[in-house]
Structure formats: structure tokens, C-alpha cells
All heavy atoms as atom14 arrays in JSON, in Angstrom:
{
  "sequence": "MQAGGIGRQLLQAAEDYARSISINTVTMTVITRRAELLQWYYRRGY",
  "atom14_mask": [
    [1, 1, 1, 1, 1, 1, 1, 1, 0, 0, 0, 0, 0, 0],
    [1, 1, 1, 1, 1, 1, 1, 1, 1, 0, 0, 0, 0, 0],
    [1, 1, 1, 1, 1, 0, 0, 0, 0, 0, 0, 0, 0, 0],
    [1, 1, 1, 1, 0, 0, 0, 0, 0, 0, 0, 0, 0, 0],
    [1, 1, 1, 1, 0, 0, 0, 0, 0, 0, 0, 0, 0, 0],
    [1, 1, 1, 1, 1, 1, 1, 1, 0, 0, 0, 0, 0, 0],
    [1, 1, 1, 1, 0, 0, 0, 0, 0, 0, 0, 0, 0, 0],
    [1, 1, 1, 1, 1, 1, 1, 1, 1, 1, 1, 0, 0, 0],
    [1, 1, 1, 1, 1, 1, 1, 1, 1, 0, 0, 0, 0, 0],
    [1, 1, 1, 1, 1, 1, 1, 1, 0, 0, 0, 0, 0, 0],
    [1, 1, 1, 1, 1, 1, 1, 1, 0, 0, 0, 0, 0, 0],
    [1, 1, 1, 1, 1, 1, 1, 1, 1, 0, 0, 0, 0, 0],
    [1, 1, 1, 1, 1, 0, 0, 0, 0, 0, 0, 0, 0, 0],
    [1, 1, 1, 1, 1, 0, 0, 0, 0, 0, 0, 0, 0, 0],
    [1, 1, 1, 1, 1, 1, 1, 1, 1, 0, 0, 0, 0, 0],
    [1, 1, 1, 1, 1, 1, 1, 1, 0, 0, 0, 0, 0, 0],
    [1, 1, 1, 1, 1, 1, 1, 1, 1, 1, 1, 1, 0, 0],
    [1, 1, 1, 1, 1, 0, 0, 0, 0, 0, 0, 0, 0, 0],
    [1, 1, 1, 1, 1, 1, 1, 1, 1, 1, 1, 0, 0, 0],
    [1, 1, 1, 1, 1, 1, 0, 0, 0, 0, 0, 0, 0, 0],
    [1, 1, 1, 1, 1, 1, 1, 1, 0, 0, 0, 0, 0, 0],
    [1, 1, 1, 1, 1, 1, 0, 0, 0, 0, 0, 0, 0, 0],
    [1, 1, 1, 1, 1, 1, 1, 1, 0, 0, 0, 0, 0, 0],
    [1, 1, 1, 1, 1, 1, 1, 1, 0, 0, 0, 0, 0, 0],
    [1, 1, 1, 1, 1, 1, 1, 0, 0, 0, 0, 0, 0, 0],
    [1, 1, 1, 1, 1, 1, 1, 0, 0, 0, 0, 0, 0, 0],
    [1, 1, 1, 1, 1, 1, 1, 0, 0, 0, 0, 0, 0, 0],
    [1, 1, 1, 1, 1, 1, 1, 1, 0, 0, 0, 0, 0, 0],
    [1, 1, 1, 1, 1, 1, 1, 0, 0, 0, 0, 0, 0, 0],
    [1, 1, 1, 1, 1, 1, 1, 0, 0, 0, 0, 0, 0, 0],
    [1, 1, 1, 1, 1, 1, 1, 1, 0, 0, 0, 0, 0, 0],
    [1, 1, 1, 1, 1, 1, 1, 0, 0, 0, 0, 0, 0, 0],
    [1, 1, 1, 1, 1, 1, 1, 1, 1, 1, 1, 0, 0, 0],
    [1, 1, 1, 1, 1, 1, 1, 1, 1, 1, 1, 0, 0, 0],
    [1, 1, 1, 1, 1, 0, 0, 0, 0, 0, 0, 0, 0, 0],
    [1, 1, 1, 1, 1, 1, 1, 1, 1, 0, 0, 0, 0, 0],
    [1, 1, 1, 1, 1, 1, 1, 1, 0, 0, 0, 0, 0, 0],
    [1, 1, 1, 1, 1, 1, 1, 1, 0, 0, 0, 0, 0, 0],
    [1, 1, 1, 1, 1, 1, 1, 1, 1, 0, 0, 0, 0, 0],
    [1, 1, 1, 1, 1, 1, 1, 1, 1, 1, 1, 1, 1, 1],
    [1, 1, 1, 1, 1, 1, 1, 1, 1, 1, 1, 1, 0, 0],
    [1, 1, 1, 1, 1, 1, 1, 1, 1, 1, 1, 1, 0, 0],
    [1, 1, 1, 1, 1, 1, 1, 1, 1, 1, 1, 0, 0, 0],
    [1, 1, 1, 1, 1, 1, 1, 1, 1, 1, 1, 0, 0, 0],
    [1, 1, 1, 1, 0, 0, 0, 0, 0, 0, 0, 0, 0, 0],
    [1, 1, 1, 1, 1, 1, 1, 1, 1, 1, 1, 1, 0, 0]
  ],
  "atom14_positions": [
    [[-20.76, -151.24, -122.75], [-21.05, -150.57, -121.49], [-20.05, -149.43, -121.16], [-20.07, -148.88, -120.06], [-21.06, -151.59, -120.38], [-22.1, -152.69, -120.68], [-22.45, -153.76, -119.27], [-23.38, -152.65, -118.3], [0.0, 0.0, 0.0], [0.0, 0.0, 0.0], [0.0, 0.0, 0.0], [0.0, 0.0, 0.0], [0.0, 0.0, 0.0], [0.0, 0.0, 0.0]],
    [[-19.16, -149.08, -122.11], [-18.24, -148.03, -121.83], [-18.84, -146.66, -121.72], [-19.96, -146.48, -122.25], [-17.14, -148.08, -122.98], [-16.31, -149.28, -122.84], [-15.25, -149.4, -123.89], [-14.94, -148.41, -124.64], [-14.55, -150.49, -124.02], [0.0, 0.0, 0.0], [0.0, 0.0, 0.0], [0.0, 0.0, 0.0], [0.0, 0.0, 0.0], [0.0, 0.0, 0.0]],
    [[-18.2, -145.83, -121.02], [-18.65, -144.45, -120.78], [-19.8, -144.37, -119.83], [-20.51, -143.39, -119.79], [-19.0, -143.69, -122.1], [0.0, 0.0, 0.0], [0.0, 0.0, 0.0], [0.0, 0.0, 0.0], [0.0, 0.0, 0.0], [0.0, 0.0, 0.0], [0.0, 0.0, 0.0], [0.0, 0.0, 0.0], [0.0, 0.0, 0.0], [0.0, 0.0, 0.0]],
    [[-20.02, -145.44, -118.94], [-21.06, -145.45, -118.01], [-20.57, -145.45, -116.55], [-21.28, -145.68, -115.66], [0.0, 0.0, 0.0], [0.0, 0.0, 0.0], [0.0, 0.0, 0.0], [0.0, 0.0, 0.0], [0.0, 0.0, 0.0], [0.0, 0.0, 0.0], [0.0, 0.0, 0.0], [0.0, 0.0, 0.0], [0.0, 0.0, 0.0], [0.0, 0.0, 0.0]],
    [[-19.25, -145.22, -116.38], [-18.71, -145.17, -114.98], [-18.07, -146.41, -114.45], [-17.55, -146.41, -113.37], [0.0, 0.0, 0.0], [0.0, 0.0, 0.0], [0.0, 0.0, 0.0], [0.0, 0.0, 0.0], [0.0, 0.0, 0.0], [0.0, 0.0, 0.0], [0.0, 0.0, 0.0], [0.0, 0.0, 0.0], [0.0, 0.0, 0.0], [0.0, 0.0, 0.0]],
    [[-18.2, -147.49, -115.21], [-17.62, -148.78, -114.65], [-16.08, -148.68, -114.6], [-15.5, -149.13, -113.61], [-18.03, -149.98, -115.59], [-19.56, -150.17, -115.55], [-17.33, -151.24, -115.21], [-20.12, -151.15, -116.57], [0.0, 0.0, 0.0], [0.0, 0.0, 0.0], [0.0, 0.0, 0.0], [0.0, 0.0, 0.0], [0.0, 0.0, 0.0], [0.0, 0.0, 0.0]],
    [[-15.46, -148.12, -115.59], [-13.97, -147.99, -115.54], [-13.52, -147.15, -114.31], [-12.57, -147.55, -113.66], [0.0, 0.0, 0.0], [0.0, 0.0, 0.0], [0.0, 0.0, 0.0], [0.0, 0.0, 0.0], [0.0, 0.0, 0.0], [0.0, 0.0, 0.0], [0.0, 0.0, 0.0], [0.0, 0.0, 0.0], [0.0, 0.0, 0.0], [0.0, 0.0, 0.0]],
    [[-14.23, -146.14, -114.07], [-13.97, -145.25, -112.88], [-14.12, -146.04, -111.62], [-13.29, -145.94, -110.69], [-14.84, -144.01, -112.91], [-14.51, -142.96, -111.97], [-15.33, -141.65, -112.11], [-15.33, -141.22, -113.51], [-16.41, -140.98, -114.24], [-17.59, -141.25, -113.72], [-16.31, -140.6, -115.52], [0.0, 0.0, 0.0], [0.0, 0.0, 0.0], [0.0, 0.0, 0.0]],
    [[-15.16, -146.88, -111.55], [-15.36, -147.64, -110.28], [-14.31, -148.67, -110.13], [-13.79, -148.93, -109.02], [-16.75, -148.31, -110.35], [-17.89, -147.45, -110.24], [-19.21, -148.11, -110.29], [-19.39, -149.11, -109.61], [-20.09, -147.67, -111.11], [0.0, 0.0, 0.0], [0.0, 0.0, 0.0], [0.0, 0.0, 0.0], [0.0, 0.0, 0.0], [0.0, 0.0, 0.0]],
    [[-13.79, -149.32, -111.26], [-12.76, -150.33, -111.11], [-11.48, -149.61, -110.73], [-10.66, -150.14, -109.97], [-12.65, -151.02, -112.56], [-13.66, -152.04, -112.78], [-13.68, -152.5, -114.22], [-13.47, -153.32, -111.89], [0.0, 0.0, 0.0], [0.0, 0.0, 0.0], [0.0, 0.0, 0.0], [0.0, 0.0, 0.0], [0.0, 0.0, 0.0], [0.0, 0.0, 0.0]],
    [[-11.12, -148.48, -111.28], [-9.94, -147.69, -110.89], [-9.93, -147.39, -109.5], [-8.99, -147.51, -108.74], [-9.74, -146.54, -111.84], [-8.45, -145.8, -111.72], [-7.23, -146.71, -112.02], [-8.35, -144.62, -112.67], [0.0, 0.0, 0.0], [0.0, 0.0, 0.0], [0.0, 0.0, 0.0], [0.0, 0.0, 0.0], [0.0, 0.0, 0.0], [0.0, 0.0, 0.0]],
    [[-11.06, -146.9, -108.96], [-11.29, -146.57, -107.55], [-11.06, -147.83, -106.72], [-10.33, -147.76, -105.66], [-12.63, -145.92, -107.25], [-12.75, -145.51, -105.8], [-11.83, -144.44, -105.5], [-11.72, -143.38, -106.03], [-11.04, -144.72, -104.38], [0.0, 0.0, 0.0], [0.0, 0.0, 0.0], [0.0, 0.0, 0.0], [0.0, 0.0, 0.0], [0.0, 0.0, 0.0]],
    [[-11.61, -148.97, -107.12], [-11.43, -150.17, -106.42], [-9.99, -150.57, -106.38], [-9.5, -151.11, -105.39], [-12.3, -151.33, -107.02], [0.0, 0.0, 0.0], [0.0, 0.0, 0.0], [0.0, 0.0, 0.0], [0.0, 0.0, 0.0], [0.0, 0.0, 0.0], [0.0, 0.0, 0.0], [0.0, 0.0, 0.0], [0.0, 0.0, 0.0], [0.0, 0.0, 0.0]],
    [[-9.24, -150.31, -107.44], [-7.76, -150.68, -107.53], [-7.0, -149.79, -106.51], [-6.2, -150.29, -105.76], [-7.27, -150.38, -108.92], [0.0, 0.0, 0.0], [0.0, 0.0, 0.0], [0.0, 0.0, 0.0], [0.0, 0.0, 0.0], [0.0, 0.0, 0.0], [0.0, 0.0, 0.0], [0.0, 0.0, 0.0], [0.0, 0.0, 0.0], [0.0, 0.0, 0.0]],
    [[-7.38, -148.5, -106.41], [-6.7, -147.63, -105.54], [-7.04, -148.03, -104.05], [-6.18, -147.99, -103.18], [-7.07, -146.16, -105.8], [-6.54, -145.7, -107.18], [-7.05, -144.35, -107.59], [-7.71, -143.68, -106.79], [-6.69, -143.92, -108.74], [0.0, 0.0, 0.0], [0.0, 0.0, 0.0], [0.0, 0.0, 0.0], [0.0, 0.0, 0.0], [0.0, 0.0, 0.0]],
    [[-8.31, -148.38, -103.85], [-8.69, -148.83, -102.47], [-7.95, -150.13, -102.05], [-7.51, -150.26, -100.94], [-10.26, -149.12, -102.37], [-11.02, -147.79, -102.55], [-10.49, -146.69, -102.36], [-12.29, -147.93, -102.79], [0.0, 0.0, 0.0], [0.0, 0.0, 0.0], [0.0, 0.0, 0.0], [0.0, 0.0, 0.0], [0.0, 0.0, 0.0], [0.0, 0.0, 0.0]],
    [[-7.78, -151.0, -103.04], [-7.07, -152.21, -102.84], [-5.55, -151.88, -102.41], [-5.03, -152.48, -101.45], [-7.06, -153.13, -104.02], [-6.28, -154.38, -103.84], [-6.75, -155.5, -103.16], [-4.98, -154.46, -104.32], [-6.04, -156.58, -102.98], [-4.21, -155.59, -104.16], [-4.77, -156.69, -103.45], [-3.99, -157.84, -103.26], [0.0, 0.0, 0.0], [0.0, 0.0, 0.0]],
    [[-4.97, -150.93, -103.12], [-3.58, -150.52, -102.83], [-3.49, -150.02, -101.39], [-2.6, -150.47, -100.64], [-3.08, -149.41, -103.79], [0.0, 0.0, 0.0], [0.0, 0.0, 0.0], [0.0, 0.0, 0.0], [0.0, 0.0, 0.0], [0.0, 0.0, 0.0], [0.0, 0.0, 0.0], [0.0, 0.0, 0.0], [0.0, 0.0, 0.0], [0.0, 0.0, 0.0]],
    [[-4.45, -149.18, -100.97], [-4.49, -148.72, -99.58], [-4.61, -149.79, -98.62], [-4.02, -149.83, -97.56], [-5.59, -147.63, -99.47], [-5.34, -146.37, -100.13], [-6.53, -145.38, -99.83], [-6.43, -144.2, -100.6], [-7.06, -144.08, -101.77], [-7.8, -145.01, -102.29], [-6.9, -142.92, -102.51], [0.0, 0.0, 0.0], [0.0, 0.0, 0.0], [0.0, 0.0, 0.0]],
    [[-5.5, -150.81, -98.88], [-5.72, -151.94, -98.03], [-4.5, -152.79, -97.76], [-4.45, -153.5, -96.79], [-6.9, -152.81, -98.55], [-6.45, -153.64, -99.59], [0.0, 0.0, 0.0], [0.0, 0.0, 0.0], [0.0, 0.0, 0.0], [0.0, 0.0, 0.0], [0.0, 0.0, 0.0], [0.0, 0.0, 0.0], [0.0, 0.0, 0.0], [0.0, 0.0, 0.0]],
    [[-3.54, -152.76, -98.68], [-2.27, -153.47, -98.51], [-1.14, -152.53, -98.23], [0.03, -152.93, -98.42], [-1.99, -154.46, -99.72], [-1.92, -153.76, -101.02], [-3.05, -155.55, -99.72], [-1.45, -154.57, -102.18], [0.0, 0.0, 0.0], [0.0, 0.0, 0.0], [0.0, 0.0, 0.0], [0.0, 0.0, 0.0], [0.0, 0.0, 0.0], [0.0, 0.0, 0.0]],
    [[-1.42, -151.32, -97.82], [-0.48, -150.31, -97.4], [0.49, -149.93, -98.49], [1.68, -149.69, -98.31], [0.35, -150.83, -96.17], [-0.58, -151.03, -95.11], [0.0, 0.0, 0.0], [0.0, 0.0, 0.0], [0.0, 0.0, 0.0], [0.0, 0.0, 0.0], [0.0, 0.0, 0.0], [0.0, 0.0, 0.0], [0.0, 0.0, 0.0], [0.0, 0.0, 0.0]],
    [[0.0, -149.82, -99.69], [0.81, -149.26, -100.82], [0.25, -147.94, -101.22], [-0.97, -147.79, -101.4], [0.78, -150.3, -102.02], [1.54, -151.57, -101.67], [1.42, -149.61, -103.25], [1.6, -152.65, -102.73], [0.0, 0.0, 0.0], [0.0, 0.0, 0.0], [0.0, 0.0, 0.0], [0.0, 0.0, 0.0], [0.0, 0.0, 0.0], [0.0, 0.0, 0.0]],
    [[1.11, -146.92, -101.33], [0.6, -145.61, -101.6], [0.95, -145.13, -103.08], [0.57, -143.98, -103.38], [1.28, -144.6, -100.58], [0.72, -144.91, -99.21], [-0.5, -145.14, -99.06], [1.65, -144.79, -98.25], [0.0, 0.0, 0.0], [0.0, 0.0, 0.0], [0.0, 0.0, 0.0], [0.0, 0.0, 0.0], [0.0, 0.0, 0.0], [0.0, 0.0, 0.0]],
    [[1.63, -145.96, -103.86], [2.01, -145.58, -105.2], [1.31, -146.55, -106.19], [1.51, -147.72, -106.06], [3.51, -145.51, -105.39], [4.08, -144.68, -104.42], [3.89, -145.1, -106.81], [0.0, 0.0, 0.0], [0.0, 0.0, 0.0], [0.0, 0.0, 0.0], [0.0, 0.0, 0.0], [0.0, 0.0, 0.0], [0.0, 0.0, 0.0], [0.0, 0.0, 0.0]],
    [[0.53, -146.03, -107.14], [-0.05, -146.82, -108.13], [0.63, -146.45, -109.51], [0.69, -145.26, -109.8], [-1.6, -146.6, -108.16], [-2.23, -147.45, -109.28], [-2.22, -146.9, -106.87], [0.0, 0.0, 0.0], [0.0, 0.0, 0.0], [0.0, 0.0, 0.0], [0.0, 0.0, 0.0], [0.0, 0.0, 0.0], [0.0, 0.0, 0.0], [0.0, 0.0, 0.0]],
    [[0.94, -147.43, -110.29], [1.53, -147.21, -111.58], [0.82, -147.98, -112.64], [0.12, -148.93, -112.41], [3.07, -147.63, -111.63], [3.18, -148.99, -111.4], [3.85, -146.89, -110.59], [0.0, 0.0, 0.0], [0.0, 0.0, 0.0], [0.0, 0.0, 0.0], [0.0, 0.0, 0.0], [0.0, 0.0, 0.0], [0.0, 0.0, 0.0], [0.0, 0.0, 0.0]],
    [[1.05, -147.54, -113.89], [0.54, -148.23, -115.03], [1.24, -147.77, -116.27], [2.01, -146.81, -116.24], [-0.95, -147.89, -115.22], [-1.25, -146.41, -115.54], [-2.97, -145.96, -115.7], [-3.6, -146.3, -114.11], [0.0, 0.0, 0.0], [0.0, 0.0, 0.0], [0.0, 0.0, 0.0], [0.0, 0.0, 0.0], [0.0, 0.0, 0.0], [0.0, 0.0, 0.0]],
    [[1.05, -148.44, -117.39], [1.58, -148.11, -118.64], [0.41, -147.92, -119.63], [-0.52, -148.63, -119.6], [2.61, -149.07, -119.21], [2.07, -150.37, -119.22], [3.9, -149.08, -118.33], [0.0, 0.0, 0.0], [0.0, 0.0, 0.0], [0.0, 0.0, 0.0], [0.0, 0.0, 0.0], [0.0, 0.0, 0.0], [0.0, 0.0, 0.0], [0.0, 0.0, 0.0]],
    [[0.5, -146.87, -120.51], [-0.47, -146.58, -121.49], [0.21, -146.26, -122.83], [1.22, -145.52, -122.83], [-1.32, -145.35, -121.07], [-2.37, -145.07, -122.14], [-2.03, -145.63, -119.71], [0.0, 0.0, 0.0], [0.0, 0.0, 0.0], [0.0, 0.0, 0.0], [0.0, 0.0, 0.0], [0.0, 0.0, 0.0], [0.0, 0.0, 0.0], [0.0, 0.0, 0.0]],
    [[-0.26, -146.89, -123.92], [0.28, -146.63, -125.23], [0.29, -145.14, -125.51], [-0.71, -144.44, -125.29], [-0.5, -147.34, -126.35], [-0.36, -148.93, -126.08], [-0.04, -146.99, -127.69], [-1.22, -149.76, -126.95], [0.0, 0.0, 0.0], [0.0, 0.0, 0.0], [0.0, 0.0, 0.0], [0.0, 0.0, 0.0], [0.0, 0.0, 0.0], [0.0, 0.0, 0.0]],
    [[1.39, -144.59, -125.96], [1.61, -143.13, -126.12], [0.55, -142.57, -127.13], [0.26, -141.39, -127.04], [3.03, -142.82, -126.58], [3.3, -143.47, -127.83], [4.04, -143.18, -125.5], [0.0, 0.0, 0.0], [0.0, 0.0, 0.0], [0.0, 0.0, 0.0], [0.0, 0.0, 0.0], [0.0, 0.0, 0.0], [0.0, 0.0, 0.0], [0.0, 0.0, 0.0]],
    [[0.14, -143.34, -128.09], [-0.79, -142.84, -129.13], [-2.27, -142.77, -128.58], [-3.07, -142.4, -129.4], [-0.64, -143.67, -130.37], [0.64, -143.58, -131.02], [0.69, -144.41, -132.3], [2.04, -144.35, -132.75], [2.41, -144.7, -134.0], [1.47, -145.06, -134.86], [3.64, -144.6, -134.4], [0.0, 0.0, 0.0], [0.0, 0.0, 0.0], [0.0, 0.0, 0.0]],
    [[-2.53, -143.2, -127.38], [-3.88, -143.19, -126.84], [-4.2, -141.93, -126.15], [-4.39, -141.9, -124.89], [-3.96, -144.44, -125.93], [-3.76, -145.78, -126.59], [-4.77, -146.11, -127.65], [-6.14, -145.79, -127.31], [-6.94, -146.56, -126.47], [-6.44, -147.68, -126.01], [-8.1, -146.16, -126.21], [0.0, 0.0, 0.0], [0.0, 0.0, 0.0], [0.0, 0.0, 0.0]],
    [[-4.13, -140.75, -126.86], [-4.36, -139.47, -126.2], [-5.59, -139.37, -125.36], [-5.6, -138.86, -124.23], [-4.42, -138.42, -127.3], [0.0, 0.0, 0.0], [0.0, 0.0, 0.0], [0.0, 0.0, 0.0], [0.0, 0.0, 0.0], [0.0, 0.0, 0.0], [0.0, 0.0, 0.0], [0.0, 0.0, 0.0], [0.0, 0.0, 0.0], [0.0, 0.0, 0.0]],
    [[-6.75, -139.95, -125.84], [-8.02, -139.79, -125.09], [-7.95, -140.67, -123.79], [-8.4, -140.16, -122.74], [-9.18, -140.26, -125.97], [-9.32, -141.76, -126.27], [-8.31, -142.31, -127.26], [-7.52, -141.5, -127.95], [-8.31, -143.53, -127.4], [0.0, 0.0, 0.0], [0.0, 0.0, 0.0], [0.0, 0.0, 0.0], [0.0, 0.0, 0.0], [0.0, 0.0, 0.0]],
    [[-7.28, -141.76, -123.88], [-7.11, -142.6, -122.63], [-6.11, -141.96, -121.65], [-6.39, -141.98, -120.49], [-6.62, -143.99, -123.02], [-6.59, -145.06, -121.89], [-7.92, -145.22, -121.27], [-6.06, -146.36, -122.48], [0.0, 0.0, 0.0], [0.0, 0.0, 0.0], [0.0, 0.0, 0.0], [0.0, 0.0, 0.0], [0.0, 0.0, 0.0], [0.0, 0.0, 0.0]],
    [[-5.09, -141.45, -122.14], [-4.12, -140.69, -121.28], [-4.87, -139.49, -120.6], [-4.67, -139.37, -119.44], [-2.9, -140.18, -122.13], [-1.94, -141.27, -122.6], [-1.11, -140.74, -123.68], [-1.15, -141.73, -121.38], [0.0, 0.0, 0.0], [0.0, 0.0, 0.0], [0.0, 0.0, 0.0], [0.0, 0.0, 0.0], [0.0, 0.0, 0.0], [0.0, 0.0, 0.0]],
    [[-5.69, -138.83, -121.33], [-6.39, -137.65, -120.7], [-7.31, -138.15, -119.62], [-7.55, -137.51, -118.6], [-7.18, -136.92, -121.73], [-6.33, -136.09, -122.72], [-5.43, -135.04, -122.0], [-5.86, -134.36, -121.1], [-4.1, -135.02, -122.35], [0.0, 0.0, 0.0], [0.0, 0.0, 0.0], [0.0, 0.0, 0.0], [0.0, 0.0, 0.0], [0.0, 0.0, 0.0]],
    [[-7.98, -139.31, -119.92], [-8.86, -139.91, -118.91], [-8.17, -140.18, -117.58], [-8.59, -139.86, -116.49], [-9.5, -141.19, -119.46], [-10.6, -141.77, -118.59], [-11.94, -141.42, -118.69], [-10.54, -142.83, -117.68], [-12.66, -142.23, -117.82], [-11.8, -143.04, -117.14], [-9.47, -143.61, -117.19], [-12.1, -144.06, -116.21], [-9.73, -144.59, -116.3], [-11.04, -144.81, -115.81]],
    [[-6.95, -140.76, -117.73], [-6.14, -141.02, -116.52], [-5.59, -139.73, -115.81], [-5.55, -139.68, -114.68], [-4.94, -141.99, -116.81], [-5.43, -143.42, -116.97], [-5.21, -144.07, -118.24], [-6.01, -144.11, -115.92], [-5.64, -145.43, -118.39], [-6.37, -145.42, -116.09], [-6.25, -146.06, -117.31], [-6.62, -147.36, -117.49], [0.0, 0.0, 0.0], [0.0, 0.0, 0.0]],
    [[-5.19, -138.85, -116.6], [-4.74, -137.56, -116.03], [-5.9, -136.88, -115.2], [-5.6, -136.38, -114.16], [-4.28, -136.53, -117.17], [-3.15, -136.98, -118.0], [-2.97, -136.4, -119.24], [-2.25, -137.96, -117.61], [-1.85, -136.75, -120.02], [-1.15, -138.34, -118.32], [-0.99, -137.76, -119.61], [0.11, -138.16, -120.43], [0.0, 0.0, 0.0], [0.0, 0.0, 0.0]],
    [[-7.08, -136.96, -115.72], [-8.23, -136.36, -114.97], [-8.42, -137.09, -113.59], [-9.03, -136.58, -112.69], [-9.45, -136.38, -115.77], [-9.49, -135.43, -116.87], [-10.87, -135.26, -117.56], [-11.46, -136.47, -118.15], [-11.26, -136.98, -119.32], [-10.47, -136.33, -120.19], [-11.86, -138.07, -119.71], [0.0, 0.0, 0.0], [0.0, 0.0, 0.0], [0.0, 0.0, 0.0]],
    [[-7.93, -138.3, -113.47], [-8.04, -139.03, -112.26], [-6.85, -139.05, -111.43], [-6.63, -139.87, -110.46], [-8.46, -140.53, -112.66], [-9.94, -140.56, -112.83], [-10.37, -141.49, -113.94], [-11.78, -141.2, -114.28], [-12.13, -140.3, -115.19], [-11.2, -139.54, -115.76], [-13.42, -140.07, -115.46], [0.0, 0.0, 0.0], [0.0, 0.0, 0.0], [0.0, 0.0, 0.0]],
    [[-5.88, -138.11, -111.71], [-4.78, -137.84, -110.85], [-3.49, -138.58, -111.2], [-2.5, -138.47, -110.5], [0.0, 0.0, 0.0], [0.0, 0.0, 0.0], [0.0, 0.0, 0.0], [0.0, 0.0, 0.0], [0.0, 0.0, 0.0], [0.0, 0.0, 0.0], [0.0, 0.0, 0.0], [0.0, 0.0, 0.0], [0.0, 0.0, 0.0], [0.0, 0.0, 0.0]],
    [[-3.45, -139.27, -112.36], [-2.21, -139.88, -112.76], [-1.39, -138.94, -113.63], [-1.99, -138.13, -114.32], [-2.6, -141.14, -113.6], [-3.13, -142.22, -112.75], [-4.49, -142.21, -112.31], [-2.37, -143.24, -112.2], [-4.99, -143.23, -111.5], [-2.84, -144.2, -111.36], [-4.21, -144.15, -110.96], [-4.71, -145.2, -110.12], [0.0, 0.0, 0.0], [0.0, 0.0, 0.0]]
  ]
}
């Protein structure tokens, strides 16, 4: 089911959850060799 928008919805839900508990900074770690995944997160403001 990848590439159908589910990941984007989950990431949005994570950010909404952060706001609901009054946290304004979201962090994560991504393997440096995962260029396509890093680009995906960069496009979402990370």
C-alpha cells in the first residue's frame, strides 16, 4: 500500500498529536543512506 498517501496521513497525524500536547518541535532519525526517504521528509518540512 506504499505510495498511496498513508505515510503522509500518518505523519500529519503525528504532527497534529504534537500540537495537541503543546509540543512544537518534531524530531526523527533516518539512515543516512536512505536518500529517497530523506527527500520525502525534506518535502514535508523536515
